[in-house]
Amino acid sequence: MSAPDAAGGPAGTGVPAGGGPAGTGDLLAVPLVEAPGDGTPSDVLQARLLDELVEAASPDVGLVRPVLGAGTAAVVLSMFVMASDVRHAEAGLSAVLARTLGLHDVYRAGYAVMFSVEGVRTGYEITLGCTVAFLLVPFFAATSVLLTIRRVPVQRALSSLACAVGLIVTFNQLRLVAIALSMDHFGPALGYSLSHVLLGTLISTTGVVLAGTAFLAVLLRGTFTRAGAHHG
């Protein structure tokens, strides 16, 4: 182990013994192990030190974390209370995308997206079973818990949530676009049946799996690297 320097921290770290990063008020204890031969810290541990410094400087003091935790919990409740508003927003966005892709006479009517296929007025409705509102609930709930128990830096928790939300919303809109294009190509009845039951389910499942994977990947970023560094 490196000997403490005059400031009291580990040699060469630039971390004073009197406290960690500005505003934390705590000593940032980051053990360094010298690499064999040259007496300098290994690349892995240097990266670990930098990661610890960045995480320690996160907004983790005062009311920041409780407010964010309460905010994400409130979003979970709003998904149930305001599900109709989410469905309206989804229908509006879907109508814009369908119009952009060239469908005729597209407009939103409540929770439905209406358009014309060979002169026949048709469309699809975003029901409670199809909305993203309930797909997002687990991610917001998990983030609220993580923020409350203080086990994950704020930026990392919010970044993982943002990735998951972005993927869920994107893939759900892709599913709706696929349904619209299928109805336009194969006709309303056959097109809806094929796209909603087969293609739509595949797209939705892919989106949920990717969202969950991205959520965990961002959340656990650097965890295994740091765990390996403890063993040299």
C-alpha atoms as a PDB file:
ATOM      1  CA  MET A   1       0.000   0.000   0.000  1.00  0.00           C
ATOM      2  CA  SER A   2       1.197   3.548  -0.663  1.00  0.00           C
ATOM      3  CA  ALA A   3       2.215   5.588   2.325  1.00  0.00           C
ATOM      4  CA  PRO A   4       0.096   8.641   3.230  1.00  0.00           C
ATOM      5  CA  ASP A   5       1.436  11.922   1.897  1.00  0.00           C
ATOM      6  CA  ALA A   6       1.757  15.126   3.835  1.00  0.00           C
ATOM      7  CA  ALA A   7      -1.907  15.985   3.317  1.00  0.00           C
ATOM      8  CA  GLY A   8      -2.936  12.742   4.966  1.00  0.00           C
ATOM      9  CA  GLY A   9      -4.450  11.024   1.907  1.00  0.00           C
ATOM     10  CA  PRO A  10      -2.987   8.168  -0.124  1.00  0.00           C
ATOM     11  CA  ALA A  11       0.135   9.137  -2.003  1.00  0.00           C
ATOM     12  CA  GLY A  12      -0.559  10.726  -5.362  1.00  0.00           C
ATOM     13  CA  THR A  13      -4.317  10.667  -5.089  1.00  0.00           C
ATOM     14  CA  GLY A  14      -4.827  14.344  -4.369  1.00  0.00           C
ATOM     15  CA  VAL A  15      -7.566  13.433  -1.881  1.00  0.00           C
ATOM     16  CA  PRO A  16      -7.110  15.351   1.385  1.00  0.00           C
ATOM     17  CA  ALA A  17      -7.475  13.569   4.697  1.00  0.00           C
ATOM     18  CA  GLY A  18      -9.842  16.246   5.983  1.00  0.00           C
ATOM     19  CA  GLY A  19     -12.708  15.321   3.675  1.00  0.00           C
ATOM     20  CA  GLY A  20     -13.852  13.933   0.386  1.00  0.00           C
ATOM     21  CA  PRO A  21     -15.099  15.925  -2.583  1.00  0.00           C
ATOM     22  CA  ALA A  22     -16.488  19.357  -1.896  1.00  0.00           C
ATOM     23  CA  GLY A  23     -19.790  19.239  -0.089  1.00  0.00           C
ATOM     24  CA  THR A  24     -19.645  15.632   1.106  1.00  0.00           C
ATOM     25  CA  GLY A  25     -17.932  16.244   4.460  1.00  0.00           C
ATOM     26  CA  ASP A  26     -16.745  12.623   4.555  1.00  0.00           C
ATOM     27  CA  LEU A  27     -13.378  11.040   3.935  1.00  0.00           C
ATOM     28  CA  LEU A  28     -13.304   9.302   0.562  1.00  0.00           C
ATOM     29  CA  ALA A  29     -11.496   6.061   1.329  1.00  0.00           C
ATOM     30  CA  VAL A  30     -10.132   4.663  -1.924  1.00  0.00           C
ATOM     31  CA  PRO A  31      -7.447   2.018  -1.385  1.00  0.00           C
ATOM     32  CA  LEU A  32      -4.689   1.903  -3.983  1.00  0.00           C
ATOM     33  CA  VAL A  33      -2.595  -1.132  -4.786  1.00  0.00           C
ATOM     34  CA  GLU A  34       0.768  -0.681  -6.436  1.00  0.00           C
ATOM     35  CA  ALA A  35       1.291  -2.557  -9.661  1.00  0.00           C
ATOM     36  CA  PRO A  36       4.211  -4.994  -9.556  1.00  0.00           C
ATOM     37  CA  GLY A  37       7.519  -3.590 -10.703  1.00  0.00           C
ATOM     38  CA  ASP A  38       7.047   0.136 -11.293  1.00  0.00           C
ATOM     39  CA  GLY A  39       5.418   1.225  -8.009  1.00  0.00           C
ATOM     40  CA  THR A  40       2.555   3.093  -9.718  1.00  0.00           C
ATOM     41  CA  PRO A  41      -1.170   2.410  -9.309  1.00  0.00           C
ATOM     42  CA  SER A  42      -2.616   0.007 -11.855  1.00  0.00           C
ATOM     43  CA  ASP A  43      -4.857   1.307 -14.661  1.00  0.00           C
ATOM     44  CA  VAL A  44      -7.839  -0.511 -13.227  1.00  0.00           C
ATOM     45  CA  LEU A  45      -7.497   1.117  -9.835  1.00  0.00           C
ATOM     46  CA  GLN A  46      -6.874   4.543 -11.353  1.00  0.00           C
ATOM     47  CA  ALA A  47     -10.141   4.177 -13.271  1.00  0.00           C
ATOM     48  CA  ARG A  48     -11.830   3.017 -10.095  1.00  0.00           C
ATOM     49  CA  LEU A  49     -10.570   6.066  -8.191  1.00  0.00           C
ATOM     50  CA  LEU A  50     -11.925   8.403 -10.875  1.00  0.00           C
ATOM     51  CA  ASP A  51     -15.276   6.601 -10.836  1.00  0.00           C
ATOM     52  CA  GLU A  52     -15.489   6.898  -7.048  1.00  0.00           C
ATOM     53  CA  LEU A  53     -14.712  10.624  -7.207  1.00  0.00           C
ATOM     54  CA  VAL A  54     -17.426  11.235  -9.800  1.00  0.00           C
ATOM     55  CA  GLU A  55     -19.994   9.229  -7.868  1.00  0.00           C
ATOM     56  CA  ALA A  56     -19.132  10.929  -4.578  1.00  0.00           C
ATOM     57  CA  ALA A  57     -19.725  14.313  -6.186  1.00  0.00           C
ATOM     58  CA  SER A  58     -23.305  13.401  -7.147  1.00  0.00           C
ATOM     59  CA  PRO A  59     -26.211  15.410  -5.697  1.00  0.00           C
ATOM     60  CA  ASP A  60     -26.594  13.095  -2.736  1.00  0.00           C
ATOM     61  CA  VAL A  61     -27.053  15.601   0.059  1.00  0.00           C
ATOM     62  CA  GLY A  62     -29.890  17.528   1.625  1.00  0.00           C
ATOM     63  CA  LEU A  63     -33.326  17.017   0.113  1.00  0.00           C
ATOM     64  CA  VAL A  64     -32.166  16.167  -3.411  1.00  0.00           C
ATOM     65  CA  ARG A  65     -32.415  12.389  -3.123  1.00  0.00           C
ATOM     66  CA  PRO A  66     -35.657  12.295  -1.049  1.00  0.00           C
ATOM     67  CA  VAL A  67     -37.327  14.708  -3.465  1.00  0.00           C
ATOM     68  CA  LEU A  68     -36.290  12.661  -6.502  1.00  0.00           C
ATOM     69  CA  GLY A  69     -37.408   9.446  -4.800  1.00  0.00           C
ATOM     70  CA  ALA A  70     -40.777  10.950  -3.946  1.00  0.00           C
ATOM     71  CA  GLY A  71     -41.068  12.334  -7.473  1.00  0.00           C
ATOM     72  CA  THR A  72     -40.549   8.974  -9.141  1.00  0.00           C
ATOM     73  CA  ALA A  73     -43.005   7.391  -6.688  1.00  0.00           C
ATOM     74  CA  ALA A  74     -45.531  10.083  -7.631  1.00  0.00           C
ATOM     75  CA  VAL A  75     -45.037   9.221 -11.299  1.00  0.00           C
ATOM     76  CA  VAL A  76     -45.902   5.597 -10.503  1.00  0.00           C
ATOM     77  CA  LEU A  77     -49.192   6.702  -8.952  1.00  0.00           C
ATOM     78  CA  SER A  78     -49.894   9.093 -11.807  1.00  0.00           C
ATOM     79  CA  MET A  79     -49.561   6.240 -14.301  1.00  0.00           C
ATOM     80  CA  PHE A  80     -52.725   4.776 -12.779  1.00  0.00           C
ATOM     81  CA  VAL A  81     -54.553   8.026 -12.144  1.00  0.00           C
ATOM     82  CA  MET A  82     -53.618   9.683 -15.445  1.00  0.00           C
ATOM     83  CA  ALA A  83     -53.491   6.648 -17.734  1.00  0.00           C
ATOM     84  CA  SER A  84     -56.090   8.276 -19.988  1.00  0.00           C
ATOM     85  CA  ASP A  85     -53.800  11.286 -20.544  1.00  0.00           C
ATOM     86  CA  VAL A  86     -50.925   8.980 -21.439  1.00  0.00           C
ATOM     87  CA  ARG A  87     -53.147   7.188 -23.951  1.00  0.00           C
ATOM     88  CA  HIS A  88     -54.172  10.508 -25.500  1.00  0.00           C
ATOM     89  CA  ALA A  89     -50.515  11.486 -25.860  1.00  0.00           C
ATOM     90  CA  GLU A  90     -49.631   8.125 -27.390  1.00  0.00           C
ATOM     91  CA  ALA A  91     -52.472   8.380 -29.898  1.00  0.00           C
ATOM     92  CA  GLY A  92     -51.390  11.896 -30.854  1.00  0.00           C
ATOM     93  CA  LEU A  93     -47.781  10.855 -31.415  1.00  0.00           C
ATOM     94  CA  SER A  94     -48.862   7.778 -33.344  1.00  0.00           C
ATOM     95  CA  ALA A  95     -51.064   9.900 -35.604  1.00  0.00           C
ATOM     96  CA  VAL A  96     -48.122  12.189 -36.389  1.00  0.00           C
ATOM     97  CA  LEU A  97     -45.916   9.215 -37.274  1.00  0.00           C
ATOM     98  CA  ALA A  98     -48.639   7.590 -39.421  1.00  0.00           C
ATOM     99  CA  ARG A  99     -49.163  10.864 -41.284  1.00  0.00           C
ATOM    100  CA  THR A 100     -45.412  11.205 -41.814  1.00  0.00           C
ATOM    101  CA  LEU A 101     -45.270   7.703 -43.291  1.00  0.00           C
ATOM    102  CA  GLY A 102     -47.889   8.600 -45.895  1.00  0.00           C
ATOM    103  CA  LEU A 103     -51.177   7.220 -44.588  1.00  0.00           C
ATOM    104  CA  HIS A 104     -54.209   9.165 -45.797  1.00  0.00           C
ATOM    105  CA  ASP A 105     -56.524  11.417 -43.773  1.00  0.00           C
ATOM    106  CA  VAL A 106     -54.885  10.596 -40.456  1.00  0.00           C
ATOM    107  CA  TYR A 107     -56.225  12.169 -37.282  1.00  0.00           C
ATOM    108  CA  ARG A 108     -56.595  11.384 -33.593  1.00  0.00           C
ATOM    109  CA  ALA A 109     -60.069  10.760 -32.179  1.00  0.00           C
ATOM    110  CA  GLY A 110     -59.841  10.320 -28.420  1.00  0.00           C
ATOM    111  CA  TYR A 111     -57.692   7.244 -27.818  1.00  0.00           C
ATOM    112  CA  ALA A 112     -57.956   6.150 -31.459  1.00  0.00           C
ATOM    113  CA  VAL A 113     -55.938   6.891 -34.581  1.00  0.00           C
ATOM    114  CA  MET A 114     -58.139   7.071 -37.662  1.00  0.00           C
ATOM    115  CA  PHE A 115     -57.094   6.952 -41.326  1.00  0.00           C
ATOM    116  CA  SER A 116     -58.401   5.864 -44.729  1.00  0.00           C
ATOM    117  CA  VAL A 117     -57.626   2.612 -46.537  1.00  0.00           C
ATOM    118  CA  GLU A 118     -58.915   2.583 -50.126  1.00  0.00           C
ATOM    119  CA  GLY A 119     -61.554   5.123 -49.210  1.00  0.00           C
ATOM    120  CA  VAL A 120     -62.735   3.206 -46.144  1.00  0.00           C
ATOM    121  CA  ARG A 121     -62.387   4.923 -42.758  1.00  0.00           C
ATOM    122  CA  THR A 122     -60.620   2.651 -40.264  1.00  0.00           C
ATOM    123  CA  GLY A 123     -58.112   2.828 -37.451  1.00  0.00           C
ATOM    124  CA  TYR A 124     -56.964   1.408 -34.118  1.00  0.00           C
ATOM    125  CA  GLU A 125     -57.531   2.339 -30.490  1.00  0.00           C
ATOM    126  CA  ILE A 126     -54.944   2.457 -27.721  1.00  0.00           C
ATOM    127  CA  THR A 127     -56.576   0.518 -24.892  1.00  0.00           C
ATOM    128  CA  LEU A 128     -55.424   0.139 -21.303  1.00  0.00           C
ATOM    129  CA  GLY A 129     -53.782  -3.123 -22.290  1.00  0.00           C
ATOM    130  CA  CYS A 130     -51.773  -1.427 -25.048  1.00  0.00           C
ATOM    131  CA  THR A 131     -50.594   1.750 -23.347  1.00  0.00           C
ATOM    132  CA  VAL A 132     -47.003   2.286 -22.211  1.00  0.00           C
ATOM    133  CA  ALA A 133     -48.213   3.591 -18.841  1.00  0.00           C
ATOM    134  CA  PHE A 134     -48.237   0.222 -17.098  1.00  0.00           C
ATOM    135  CA  LEU A 135     -45.063  -0.971 -18.830  1.00  0.00           C
ATOM    136  CA  LEU A 136     -43.206   1.980 -17.319  1.00  0.00           C
ATOM    137  CA  VAL A 137     -44.429   1.420 -13.760  1.00  0.00           C
ATOM    138  CA  PRO A 138     -41.799  -1.217 -12.777  1.00  0.00           C
ATOM    139  CA  PHE A 139     -38.935   1.002 -13.923  1.00  0.00           C
ATOM    140  CA  PHE A 140     -40.169   4.091 -12.069  1.00  0.00           C
ATOM    141  CA  ALA A 141     -40.900   2.020  -8.965  1.00  0.00           C
ATOM    142  CA  ALA A 142     -37.442   0.426  -8.988  1.00  0.00           C
ATOM    143  CA  THR A 143     -35.788   3.821  -9.450  1.00  0.00           C
ATOM    144  CA  SER A 144     -37.781   5.277  -6.558  1.00  0.00           C
ATOM    145  CA  VAL A 145     -36.594   2.480  -4.271  1.00  0.00           C
ATOM    146  CA  LEU A 146     -32.972   2.844  -5.402  1.00  0.00           C
ATOM    147  CA  LEU A 147     -33.025   6.578  -4.782  1.00  0.00           C
ATOM    148  CA  THR A 148     -34.550   6.074  -1.352  1.00  0.00           C
ATOM    149  CA  ILE A 149     -32.121   3.449  -0.069  1.00  0.00           C
ATOM    150  CA  ARG A 150     -29.085   5.425  -1.322  1.00  0.00           C
ATOM    151  CA  ARG A 151     -27.338   2.441  -2.877  1.00  0.00           C
ATOM    152  CA  VAL A 152     -26.902   3.955  -6.359  1.00  0.00           C
ATOM    153  CA  PRO A 153     -25.654   7.409  -7.420  1.00  0.00           C
ATOM    154  CA  VAL A 154     -28.456   9.750  -8.461  1.00  0.00           C
ATOM    155  CA  GLN A 155     -27.145  10.339 -11.980  1.00  0.00           C
ATOM    156  CA  ARG A 156     -26.800   6.630 -12.638  1.00  0.00           C
ATOM    157  CA  ALA A 157     -30.291   5.811 -11.364  1.00  0.00           C
ATOM    158  CA  LEU A 158     -31.890   8.558 -13.470  1.00  0.00           C
ATOM    159  CA  SER A 159     -29.817   7.634 -16.532  1.00  0.00           C
ATOM    160  CA  SER A 160     -30.915   4.010 -16.339  1.00  0.00           C
ATOM    161  CA  LEU A 161     -34.540   5.138 -15.991  1.00  0.00           C
ATOM    162  CA  ALA A 162     -34.234   7.470 -18.991  1.00  0.00           C
ATOM    163  CA  CYS A 163     -32.843   4.644 -21.147  1.00  0.00           C
ATOM    164  CA  ALA A 164     -35.672   2.304 -20.175  1.00  0.00           C
ATOM    165  CA  VAL A 165     -38.397   4.913 -20.726  1.00  0.00           C
ATOM    166  CA  GLY A 166     -36.964   5.884 -24.109  1.00  0.00           C
ATOM    167  CA  LEU A 167     -36.856   2.286 -25.319  1.00  0.00           C
ATOM    168  CA  ILE A 168     -40.346   1.408 -24.048  1.00  0.00           C
ATOM    169  CA  VAL A 169     -41.934   4.463 -25.685  1.00  0.00           C
ATOM    170  CA  THR A 170     -39.992   3.998 -28.931  1.00  0.00           C
ATOM    171  CA  PHE A 171     -40.858   0.335 -29.356  1.00  0.00           C
ATOM    172  CA  ASN A 172     -44.506   0.890 -28.466  1.00  0.00           C
ATOM    173  CA  GLN A 173     -44.742   3.541 -31.172  1.00  0.00           C
ATOM    174  CA  LEU A 174     -43.020   1.181 -33.601  1.00  0.00           C
ATOM    175  CA  ARG A 175     -45.681  -1.409 -32.783  1.00  0.00           C
ATOM    176  CA  LEU A 176     -48.474   1.060 -33.526  1.00  0.00           C
ATOM    177  CA  VAL A 177     -46.826   2.128 -36.778  1.00  0.00           C
ATOM    178  CA  ALA A 178     -46.482  -1.527 -37.788  1.00  0.00           C
ATOM    179  CA  ILE A 179     -50.203  -2.049 -37.158  1.00  0.00           C
ATOM    180  CA  ALA A 180     -51.119   1.015 -39.233  1.00  0.00           C
ATOM    181  CA  LEU A 181     -48.887   0.039 -42.150  1.00  0.00           C
ATOM    182  CA  SER A 182     -50.128  -3.549 -42.069  1.00  0.00           C
ATOM    183  CA  MET A 183     -53.751  -2.415 -42.140  1.00  0.00           C
ATOM    184  CA  ASP A 184     -52.958  -0.090 -45.034  1.00  0.00           C
ATOM    185  CA  HIS A 185     -51.196  -2.853 -46.990  1.00  0.00           C
ATOM    186  CA  PHE A 186     -53.304  -5.945 -46.261  1.00  0.00           C
ATOM    187  CA  GLY A 187     -56.629  -4.288 -45.527  1.00  0.00           C
ATOM    188  CA  PRO A 188     -58.140  -3.353 -42.156  1.00  0.00           C
ATOM    189  CA  ALA A 189     -59.289  -6.787 -40.954  1.00  0.00           C
ATOM    190  CA  LEU A 190     -56.405  -8.997 -42.082  1.00  0.00           C
ATOM    191  CA  GLY A 191     -53.774  -6.333 -41.516  1.00  0.00           C
ATOM    192  CA  TYR A 192     -54.873  -5.696 -37.935  1.00  0.00           C
ATOM    193  CA  SER A 193     -55.047  -9.398 -37.145  1.00  0.00           C
ATOM    194  CA  LEU A 194     -51.573 -10.120 -38.494  1.00  0.00           C
ATOM    195  CA  SER A 195     -49.814  -7.112 -37.010  1.00  0.00           C
ATOM    196  CA  HIS A 196     -51.510  -6.923 -33.620  1.00  0.00           C
ATOM    197  CA  VAL A 197     -51.289 -10.593 -32.696  1.00  0.00           C
ATOM    198  CA  LEU A 198     -47.969 -11.565 -34.298  1.00  0.00           C
ATOM    199  CA  LEU A 199     -45.767  -8.618 -35.216  1.00  0.00           C
ATOM    200  CA  GLY A 200     -47.055  -6.302 -32.499  1.00  0.00           C
ATOM    201  CA  THR A 201     -46.405  -8.836 -29.744  1.00  0.00           C
ATOM    202  CA  LEU A 202     -42.886  -9.464 -31.048  1.00  0.00           C
ATOM    203  CA  ILE A 203     -42.069  -5.756 -31.142  1.00  0.00           C
ATOM    204  CA  SER A 204     -43.487  -5.127 -27.665  1.00  0.00           C
ATOM    205  CA  THR A 205     -41.620  -8.064 -26.147  1.00  0.00           C
ATOM    206  CA  THR A 206     -38.370  -6.967 -27.784  1.00  0.00           C
ATOM    207  CA  GLY A 207     -38.826  -3.457 -26.408  1.00  0.00           C
ATOM    208  CA  VAL A 208     -39.443  -4.648 -22.854  1.00  0.00           C
ATOM    209  CA  VAL A 209     -36.439  -6.991 -22.927  1.00  0.00           C
ATOM    210  CA  LEU A 210     -34.135  -4.302 -24.321  1.00  0.00           C
ATOM    211  CA  ALA A 211     -35.442  -1.745 -21.820  1.00  0.00           C
ATOM    212  CA  GLY A 212     -34.804  -4.098 -18.900  1.00  0.00           C
ATOM    213  CA  THR A 213     -31.347  -4.946 -20.202  1.00  0.00           C
ATOM    214  CA  ALA A 214     -30.427  -1.282 -20.710  1.00  0.00           C
ATOM    215  CA  PHE A 215     -31.771  -0.380 -17.254  1.00  0.00           C
ATOM    216  CA  LEU A 216     -29.561  -2.971 -15.575  1.00  0.00           C
ATOM    217  CA  ALA A 217     -26.544  -2.285 -17.801  1.00  0.00           C
ATOM    218  CA  VAL A 218     -26.483   1.426 -16.938  1.00  0.00           C
ATOM    219  CA  LEU A 219     -27.324   0.742 -13.300  1.00  0.00           C
ATOM    220  CA  LEU A 220     -24.511  -1.773 -12.846  1.00  0.00           C
ATOM    221  CA  ARG A 221     -21.934   0.070 -14.956  1.00  0.00           C
ATOM    222  CA  GLY A 222     -18.465  -0.477 -13.461  1.00  0.00           C
ATOM    223  CA  THR A 223     -19.715  -2.761 -10.671  1.00  0.00           C
ATOM    224  CA  PHE A 224     -17.959  -5.875 -11.883  1.00  0.00           C
ATOM    225  CA  THR A 225     -14.814  -3.949 -12.815  1.00  0.00           C
ATOM    226  CA  ARG A 226     -14.598  -2.578  -9.291  1.00  0.00           C
ATOM    227  CA  ALA A 227     -15.337  -5.981  -7.781  1.00  0.00           C
ATOM    228  CA  GLY A 228     -12.451  -7.446  -9.773  1.00  0.00           C
ATOM    229  CA  ALA A 229     -10.143  -4.635  -8.688  1.00  0.00           C
ATOM    230  CA  HIS A 230     -10.567  -5.583  -5.018  1.00  0.00           C
ATOM    231  CA  HIS A 231      -8.902  -8.902  -5.783  1.00  0.00           C
ATOM    232  CA  GLY A 232      -5.945  -7.323  -7.531  1.00  0.00           C
END
